[in-house]
Structures are given as C-alpha cells and as structure tokens.
C-alpha cells in the first residue's frame, strides 16, 4: 500500500469480514471527467456472525469519495 494503491490481493491479505447484501442500489449520473455523481447504497448481513451492515458511498469527483460503513 506504500504506492497509494490498494489491490485486491492486498485487501484479501487483511482477512476482511465479508457480507452478503440483501439490498443494493446504484445511481450513476455521468456529466464530465471531474464532475459526476455516483451513489451506492447496500445493506445485508455477515455470515457466521449474523451481524448486519449498511454501506454508502457518494462520489462527486474522482478526487473525493464520502464513504460510510456501519456494522452492528
């Protein structure tokens, strides 16, 4: 990760919790290279622990993404 890029193998090496979404919604409104809107929302459960999760990301430019992850 020192190169500023997180690859899938690097992420898998962290042994993350993996959930299964029961709801997934995506809204994508492309406008220009630096001005667009992408909204992704999902919720579901984590098998084995039965924990619930909610995930939301809002991206308005390529240089900024707001991410929320809630696990309970």
PDB file of N, CA and C in Angstrom:
ATOM      1  N   UNK A   1       0.813  -1.192   0.000  1.00  0.00           N
ATOM      2  CA  UNK A   1       0.000   0.000   0.000  1.00  0.00           C
ATOM      3  C   UNK A   1       0.860   1.261   0.000  1.00  0.00           C
ATOM      4  N   UNK A   2       2.146   1.118   0.102  1.00  0.00           N
ATOM      5  CA  UNK A   2       3.028   2.275   0.099  1.00  0.00           C
ATOM      6  C   UNK A   2       2.941   3.051  -1.209  1.00  0.00           C
ATOM      7  N   UNK A   3       2.494   2.374  -2.278  1.00  0.00           N
ATOM      8  CA  UNK A   3       2.370   3.049  -3.568  1.00  0.00           C
ATOM      9  C   UNK A   3       1.067   3.832  -3.706  1.00  0.00           C
ATOM     10  N   UNK A   4       0.225   3.826  -2.649  1.00  0.00           N
ATOM     11  CA  UNK A   4      -1.029   4.576  -2.698  1.00  0.00           C
ATOM     12  C   UNK A   4      -2.162   3.845  -3.390  1.00  0.00           C
ATOM     13  N   UNK A   5      -1.940   2.588  -3.753  1.00  0.00           N
ATOM     14  CA  UNK A   5      -2.955   1.786  -4.428  1.00  0.00           C
ATOM     15  C   UNK A   5      -3.198   0.526  -3.612  1.00  0.00           C
ATOM     16  N   UNK A   6      -4.448   0.243  -3.323  1.00  0.00           N
ATOM     17  CA  UNK A   6      -4.808  -0.976  -2.606  1.00  0.00           C
ATOM     18  C   UNK A   6      -5.346  -1.979  -3.616  1.00  0.00           C
ATOM     19  N   UNK A   7      -4.638  -3.068  -3.800  1.00  0.00           N
ATOM     20  CA  UNK A   7      -5.055  -4.093  -4.760  1.00  0.00           C
ATOM     21  C   UNK A   7      -5.934  -5.131  -4.060  1.00  0.00           C
ATOM     22  N   UNK A   8      -6.648  -5.910  -4.837  1.00  0.00           N
ATOM     23  CA  UNK A   8      -7.495  -6.941  -4.269  1.00  0.00           C
ATOM     24  C   UNK A   8      -6.680  -7.970  -3.474  1.00  0.00           C
ATOM     25  N   UNK A   9      -5.540  -8.448  -3.963  1.00  0.00           N
ATOM     26  CA  UNK A   9      -4.732  -9.369  -3.145  1.00  0.00           C
ATOM     27  C   UNK A   9      -4.274  -8.747  -1.819  1.00  0.00           C
ATOM     28  N   UNK A  10      -3.929  -7.456  -1.817  1.00  0.00           N
ATOM     29  CA  UNK A  10      -3.537  -6.792  -0.579  1.00  0.00           C
ATOM     30  C   UNK A  10      -4.712  -6.718   0.389  1.00  0.00           C
ATOM     31  N   UNK A  11      -5.895  -6.429  -0.134  1.00  0.00           N
ATOM     32  CA  UNK A  11      -7.093  -6.376   0.700  1.00  0.00           C
ATOM     33  C   UNK A  11      -7.418  -7.759   1.262  1.00  0.00           C
ATOM     34  N   UNK A  12      -7.366  -8.781   0.443  1.00  0.00           N
ATOM     35  CA  UNK A  12      -7.640 -10.150   0.897  1.00  0.00           C
ATOM     36  C   UNK A  12      -6.659 -10.587   1.985  1.00  0.00           C
ATOM     37  N   UNK A  13      -5.415 -10.131   1.904  1.00  0.00           N
ATOM     38  CA  UNK A  13      -4.406 -10.488   2.902  1.00  0.00           C
ATOM     39  C   UNK A  13      -4.759  -9.940   4.284  1.00  0.00           C
ATOM     40  N   UNK A  14      -5.613  -8.915   4.346  1.00  0.00           N
ATOM     41  CA  UNK A  14      -6.041  -8.346   5.621  1.00  0.00           C
ATOM     42  C   UNK A  14      -7.143  -9.175   6.282  1.00  0.00           C
ATOM     43  N   UNK A  15      -7.619 -10.218   5.591  1.00  0.00           N
ATOM     44  CA  UNK A  15      -8.667 -11.108   6.098  1.00  0.00           C
ATOM     45  C   UNK A  15      -9.916 -10.326   6.544  1.00  0.00           C
ATOM     46  N   UNK A  16     -10.507  -9.560   5.621  1.00  0.00           N
ATOM     47  CA  UNK A  16     -11.661  -8.733   5.989  1.00  0.00           C
ATOM     48  C   UNK A  16     -12.924  -9.557   6.209  1.00  0.00           C
ATOM     49  N   UNK A  17     -13.859  -8.991   6.944  1.00  0.00           N
ATOM     50  CA  UNK A  17     -15.181  -9.601   7.072  1.00  0.00           C
ATOM     51  C   UNK A  17     -15.902  -9.396   5.745  1.00  0.00           C
ATOM     52  N   UNK A  18     -16.613 -10.416   5.326  1.00  0.00           N
ATOM     53  CA  UNK A  18     -17.328 -10.335   4.057  1.00  0.00           C
ATOM     54  C   UNK A  18     -18.817 -10.498   4.314  1.00  0.00           C
ATOM     55  N   UNK A  19     -19.598  -9.589   3.775  1.00  0.00           N
ATOM     56  CA  UNK A  19     -21.035  -9.628   3.958  1.00  0.00           C
ATOM     57  C   UNK A  19     -21.761  -9.972   2.674  1.00  0.00           C
ATOM     58  N   UNK A  20     -23.033 -10.289   2.830  1.00  0.00           N
ATOM     59  CA  UNK A  20     -23.909 -10.587   1.709  1.00  0.00           C
ATOM     60  C   UNK A  20     -25.026  -9.550   1.721  1.00  0.00           C
ATOM     61  N   UNK A  21     -25.123  -8.788   0.649  1.00  0.00           N
ATOM     62  CA  UNK A  21     -26.121  -7.725   0.586  1.00  0.00           C
ATOM     63  C   UNK A  21     -27.501  -8.291   0.269  1.00  0.00           C
ATOM     64  N   UNK A  22     -28.488  -7.831   1.011  1.00  0.00           N
ATOM     65  CA  UNK A  22     -29.875  -8.162   0.699  1.00  0.00           C
ATOM     66  C   UNK A  22     -30.525  -7.020  -0.080  1.00  0.00           C
ATOM     67  N   UNK A  23     -29.855  -5.870  -0.098  1.00  0.00           N
ATOM     68  CA  UNK A  23     -30.314  -4.716  -0.883  1.00  0.00           C
ATOM     69  C   UNK A  23     -29.098  -3.999  -1.443  1.00  0.00           C
ATOM     70  N   UNK A  24     -29.149  -3.679  -2.724  1.00  0.00           N
ATOM     71  CA  UNK A  24     -28.064  -2.951  -3.383  1.00  0.00           C
ATOM     72  C   UNK A  24     -28.691  -1.983  -4.376  1.00  0.00           C
ATOM     73  N   UNK A  25     -28.339  -0.707  -4.271  1.00  0.00           N
ATOM     74  CA  UNK A  25     -28.829   0.302  -5.198  1.00  0.00           C
ATOM     75  C   UNK A  25     -27.656   1.153  -5.664  1.00  0.00           C
ATOM     76  N   UNK A  26     -27.644   1.461  -6.944  1.00  0.00           N
ATOM     77  CA  UNK A  26     -26.577   2.270  -7.521  1.00  0.00           C
ATOM     78  C   UNK A  26     -27.197   3.333  -8.427  1.00  0.00           C
ATOM     79  N   UNK A  27     -26.740   4.563  -8.264  1.00  0.00           N
ATOM     80  CA  UNK A  27     -27.188   5.672  -9.096  1.00  0.00           C
ATOM     81  C   UNK A  27     -25.946   6.311  -9.699  1.00  0.00           C
ATOM     82  N   UNK A  28     -25.899   6.405 -11.001  1.00  0.00           N
ATOM     83  CA  UNK A  28     -24.729   6.948 -11.675  1.00  0.00           C
ATOM     84  C   UNK A  28     -25.190   7.997 -12.685  1.00  0.00           C
ATOM     85  N   UNK A  29     -24.749   9.231 -12.488  1.00  0.00           N
ATOM     86  CA  UNK A  29     -25.105  10.317 -13.399  1.00  0.00           C
ATOM     87  C   UNK A  29     -23.823  10.957 -13.924  1.00  0.00           C
ATOM     88  N   UNK A  30     -23.276  10.423 -15.017  1.00  0.00           N
ATOM     89  CA  UNK A  30     -22.048  10.992 -15.565  1.00  0.00           C
ATOM     90  C   UNK A  30     -22.313  12.341 -16.211  1.00  0.00           C
ATOM     91  N   UNK A  31     -21.397  13.275 -15.984  1.00  0.00           N
ATOM     92  CA  UNK A  31     -21.515  14.602 -16.604  1.00  0.00           C
ATOM     93  C   UNK A  31     -20.224  14.945 -17.329  1.00  0.00           C
ATOM     94  N   UNK A  32     -19.133  14.928 -16.611  1.00  0.00           N
ATOM     95  CA  UNK A  32     -17.829  15.193 -17.217  1.00  0.00           C
ATOM     96  C   UNK A  32     -16.784  14.415 -16.428  1.00  0.00           C
ATOM     97  N   UNK A  33     -15.556  14.468 -16.863  1.00  0.00           N
ATOM     98  CA  UNK A  33     -14.473  13.708 -16.226  1.00  0.00           C
ATOM     99  C   UNK A  33     -14.303  14.040 -14.744  1.00  0.00           C
ATOM    100  N   UNK A  34     -14.438  15.290 -14.368  1.00  0.00           N
ATOM    101  CA  UNK A  34     -14.245  15.696 -12.979  1.00  0.00           C
ATOM    102  C   UNK A  34     -15.528  16.127 -12.282  1.00  0.00           C
ATOM    103  N   UNK A  35     -16.658  15.990 -12.919  1.00  0.00           N
ATOM    104  CA  UNK A  35     -17.912  16.412 -12.317  1.00  0.00           C
ATOM    105  C   UNK A  35     -18.987  15.375 -12.630  1.00  0.00           C
ATOM    106  N   UNK A  36     -19.228  14.495 -11.691  1.00  0.00           N
ATOM    107  CA  UNK A  36     -20.239  13.449 -11.888  1.00  0.00           C
ATOM    108  C   UNK A  36     -20.797  13.070 -10.537  1.00  0.00           C
ATOM    109  N   UNK A  37     -21.782  12.201 -10.529  1.00  0.00           N
ATOM    110  CA  UNK A  37     -22.377  11.763  -9.275  1.00  0.00           C
ATOM    111  C   UNK A  37     -22.554  10.248  -9.307  1.00  0.00           C
ATOM    112  N   UNK A  38     -21.993   9.586  -8.319  1.00  0.00           N
ATOM    113  CA  UNK A  38     -22.170   8.150  -8.149  1.00  0.00           C
ATOM    114  C   UNK A  38     -22.574   7.907  -6.703  1.00  0.00           C
ATOM    115  N   UNK A  39     -23.694   7.232  -6.504  1.00  0.00           N
ATOM    116  CA  UNK A  39     -24.173   6.894  -5.167  1.00  0.00           C
ATOM    117  C   UNK A  39     -24.420   5.389  -5.139  1.00  0.00           C
ATOM    118  N   UNK A  40     -23.817   4.714  -4.176  1.00  0.00           N
ATOM    119  CA  UNK A  40     -24.024   3.279  -3.976  1.00  0.00           C
ATOM    120  C   UNK A  40     -24.475   3.080  -2.536  1.00  0.00           C
ATOM    121  N   UNK A  41     -25.556   2.338  -2.357  1.00  0.00           N
ATOM    122  CA  UNK A  41     -26.061   2.005  -1.024  1.00  0.00           C
ATOM    123  C   UNK A  41     -26.365   0.519  -0.982  1.00  0.00           C
ATOM    124  N   UNK A  42     -25.984  -0.123   0.112  1.00  0.00           N
ATOM    125  CA  UNK A  42     -26.319  -1.527   0.291  1.00  0.00           C
ATOM    126  C   UNK A  42     -26.473  -1.831   1.773  1.00  0.00           C
ATOM    127  N   UNK A  43     -27.130  -2.941   2.043  1.00  0.00           N
ATOM    128  CA  UNK A  43     -27.262  -3.432   3.413  1.00  0.00           C
ATOM    129  C   UNK A  43     -27.418  -4.937   3.355  1.00  0.00           C
ATOM    130  N   UNK A  44     -27.057  -5.592   4.436  1.00  0.00           N
ATOM    131  CA  UNK A  44     -27.147  -7.050   4.481  1.00  0.00           C
ATOM    132  C   UNK A  44     -26.597  -7.592   5.779  1.00  0.00           C
ATOM    133  N   UNK A  45     -26.102  -8.829   5.715  1.00  0.00           N
ATOM    134  CA  UNK A  45     -25.578  -9.500   6.904  1.00  0.00           C
ATOM    135  C   UNK A  45     -24.208 -10.106   6.611  1.00  0.00           C
ATOM    136  N   UNK A  46     -23.491 -10.364   7.699  1.00  0.00           N
ATOM    137  CA  UNK A  46     -22.182 -11.027   7.614  1.00  0.00           C
ATOM    138  C   UNK A  46     -22.386 -12.461   8.068  1.00  0.00           C
ATOM    139  N   UNK A  47     -22.269 -13.435   7.155  1.00  0.00           N
ATOM    140  CA  UNK A  47     -22.460 -14.831   7.535  1.00  0.00           C
ATOM    141  C   UNK A  47     -21.479 -15.250   8.637  1.00  0.00           C
ATOM    142  N   UNK A  48     -21.916 -16.123   9.489  1.00  0.00           N
ATOM    143  CA  UNK A  48     -21.066 -16.612  10.574  1.00  0.00           C
ATOM    144  C   UNK A  48     -21.216 -15.809  11.848  1.00  0.00           C
ATOM    145  N   UNK A  49     -21.348 -14.501  11.718  1.00  0.00           N
ATOM    146  CA  UNK A  49     -21.511 -13.653  12.902  1.00  0.00           C
ATOM    147  C   UNK A  49     -22.936 -13.119  13.017  1.00  0.00           C
ATOM    148  N   UNK A  50     -23.685 -13.187  11.930  1.00  0.00           N
ATOM    149  CA  UNK A  50     -25.057 -12.683  11.878  1.00  0.00           C
ATOM    150  C   UNK A  50     -25.134 -11.183  12.151  1.00  0.00           C
ATOM    151  N   UNK A  51     -24.022 -10.485  11.994  1.00  0.00           N
ATOM    152  CA  UNK A  51     -24.019  -9.030  12.147  1.00  0.00           C
ATOM    153  C   UNK A  51     -24.641  -8.403  10.904  1.00  0.00           C
ATOM    154  N   UNK A  52     -25.273  -7.263  11.094  1.00  0.00           N
ATOM    155  CA  UNK A  52     -25.840  -6.520   9.975  1.00  0.00           C
ATOM    156  C   UNK A  52     -24.873  -5.404   9.576  1.00  0.00           C
ATOM    157  N   UNK A  53     -24.972  -4.987   8.323  1.00  0.00           N
ATOM    158  CA  UNK A  53     -24.152  -3.867   7.866  1.00  0.00           C
ATOM    159  C   UNK A  53     -24.947  -2.968   6.936  1.00  0.00           C
ATOM    160  N   UNK A  54     -24.530  -1.718   6.888  1.00  0.00           N
ATOM    161  CA  UNK A  54     -25.011  -0.740   5.914  1.00  0.00           C
ATOM    162  C   UNK A  54     -23.782  -0.070   5.307  1.00  0.00           C
ATOM    163  N   UNK A  55     -23.795   0.119   4.014  1.00  0.00           N
ATOM    164  CA  UNK A  55     -22.668   0.711   3.298  1.00  0.00           C
ATOM    165  C   UNK A  55     -23.203   1.776   2.352  1.00  0.00           C
ATOM    166  N   UNK A  56     -22.539   2.933   2.329  1.00  0.00           N
ATOM    167  CA  UNK A  56     -22.941   4.004   1.420  1.00  0.00           C
ATOM    168  C   UNK A  56     -21.701   4.750   0.957  1.00  0.00           C
ATOM    169  N   UNK A  57     -21.633   5.011  -0.330  1.00  0.00           N
ATOM    170  CA  UNK A  57     -20.548   5.822  -0.883  1.00  0.00           C
ATOM    171  C   UNK A  57     -21.170   6.862  -1.811  1.00  0.00           C
ATOM    172  N   UNK A  58     -20.675   8.091  -1.705  1.00  0.00           N
ATOM    173  CA  UNK A  58     -21.093   9.172  -2.586  1.00  0.00           C
ATOM    174  C   UNK A  58     -19.826   9.767  -3.190  1.00  0.00           C
ATOM    175  N   UNK A  59     -19.783   9.795  -4.509  1.00  0.00           N
ATOM    176  CA  UNK A  59     -18.624  10.327  -5.214  1.00  0.00           C
ATOM    177  C   UNK A  59     -19.086  11.422  -6.163  1.00  0.00           C
ATOM    178  N   UNK A  60     -18.569  12.621  -5.964  1.00  0.00           N
ATOM    179  CA  UNK A  60     -18.921  13.742  -6.828  1.00  0.00           C
ATOM    180  C   UNK A  60     -17.776  14.124  -7.757  1.00  0.00           C
ATOM    181  N   UNK A  61     -16.564  13.768  -7.380  1.00  0.00           N
ATOM    182  CA  UNK A  61     -15.384  13.961  -8.217  1.00  0.00           C
ATOM    183  C   UNK A  61     -14.477  12.760  -8.019  1.00  0.00           C
ATOM    184  N   UNK A  62     -13.535  12.554  -8.916  1.00  0.00           N
ATOM    185  CA  UNK A  62     -12.620  11.421  -8.775  1.00  0.00           C
ATOM    186  C   UNK A  62     -11.670  11.581  -7.593  1.00  0.00           C
ATOM    187  N   UNK A  63     -11.508  12.804  -7.126  1.00  0.00           N
ATOM    188  CA  UNK A  63     -10.571  13.040  -6.029  1.00  0.00           C
ATOM    189  C   UNK A  63     -11.233  12.980  -4.658  1.00  0.00           C
ATOM    190  N   UNK A  64     -12.578  12.830  -4.614  1.00  0.00           N
ATOM    191  CA  UNK A  64     -13.236  12.786  -3.310  1.00  0.00           C
ATOM    192  C   UNK A  64     -14.405  11.808  -3.321  1.00  0.00           C
ATOM    193  N   UNK A  65     -14.389  10.915  -2.344  1.00  0.00           N
ATOM    194  CA  UNK A  65     -15.492   9.990  -2.127  1.00  0.00           C
ATOM    195  C   UNK A  65     -15.820   9.987  -0.647  1.00  0.00           C
ATOM    196  N   UNK A  66     -17.097  10.120  -0.326  1.00  0.00           N
ATOM    197  CA  UNK A  66     -17.545  10.019   1.066  1.00  0.00           C
ATOM    198  C   UNK A  66     -18.063   8.600   1.278  1.00  0.00           C
ATOM    199  N   UNK A  67     -17.510   7.898   2.263  1.00  0.00           N
ATOM    200  CA  UNK A  67     -17.851   6.505   2.499  1.00  0.00           C
ATOM    201  C   UNK A  67     -18.335   6.341   3.926  1.00  0.00           C
ATOM    202  N   UNK A  68     -19.443   5.618   4.087  1.00  0.00           N
ATOM    203  CA  UNK A  68     -19.967   5.285   5.409  1.00  0.00           C
ATOM    204  C   UNK A  68     -20.133   3.756   5.485  1.00  0.00           C
ATOM    205  N   UNK A  69     -19.667   3.176   6.569  1.00  0.00           N
ATOM    206  CA  UNK A  69     -19.852   1.755   6.813  1.00  0.00           C
ATOM    207  C   UNK A  69     -20.274   1.585   8.261  1.00  0.00           C
ATOM    208  N   UNK A  70     -21.398   0.943   8.450  1.00  0.00           N
ATOM    209  CA  UNK A  70     -21.917   0.714   9.807  1.00  0.00           C
ATOM    210  C   UNK A  70     -22.120  -0.782   9.993  1.00  0.00           C
ATOM    211  N   UNK A  71     -21.562  -1.337  11.053  1.00  0.00           N
ATOM    212  CA  UNK A  71     -21.707  -2.756  11.379  1.00  0.00           C
ATOM    213  C   UNK A  71     -22.216  -2.842  12.808  1.00  0.00           C
ATOM    214  N   UNK A  72     -23.260  -3.631  13.014  1.00  0.00           N
ATOM    215  CA  UNK A  72     -23.786  -3.823  14.355  1.00  0.00           C
ATOM    216  C   UNK A  72     -24.274  -5.226  14.552  1.00  0.00           C
TER     217      UNK A  72
END
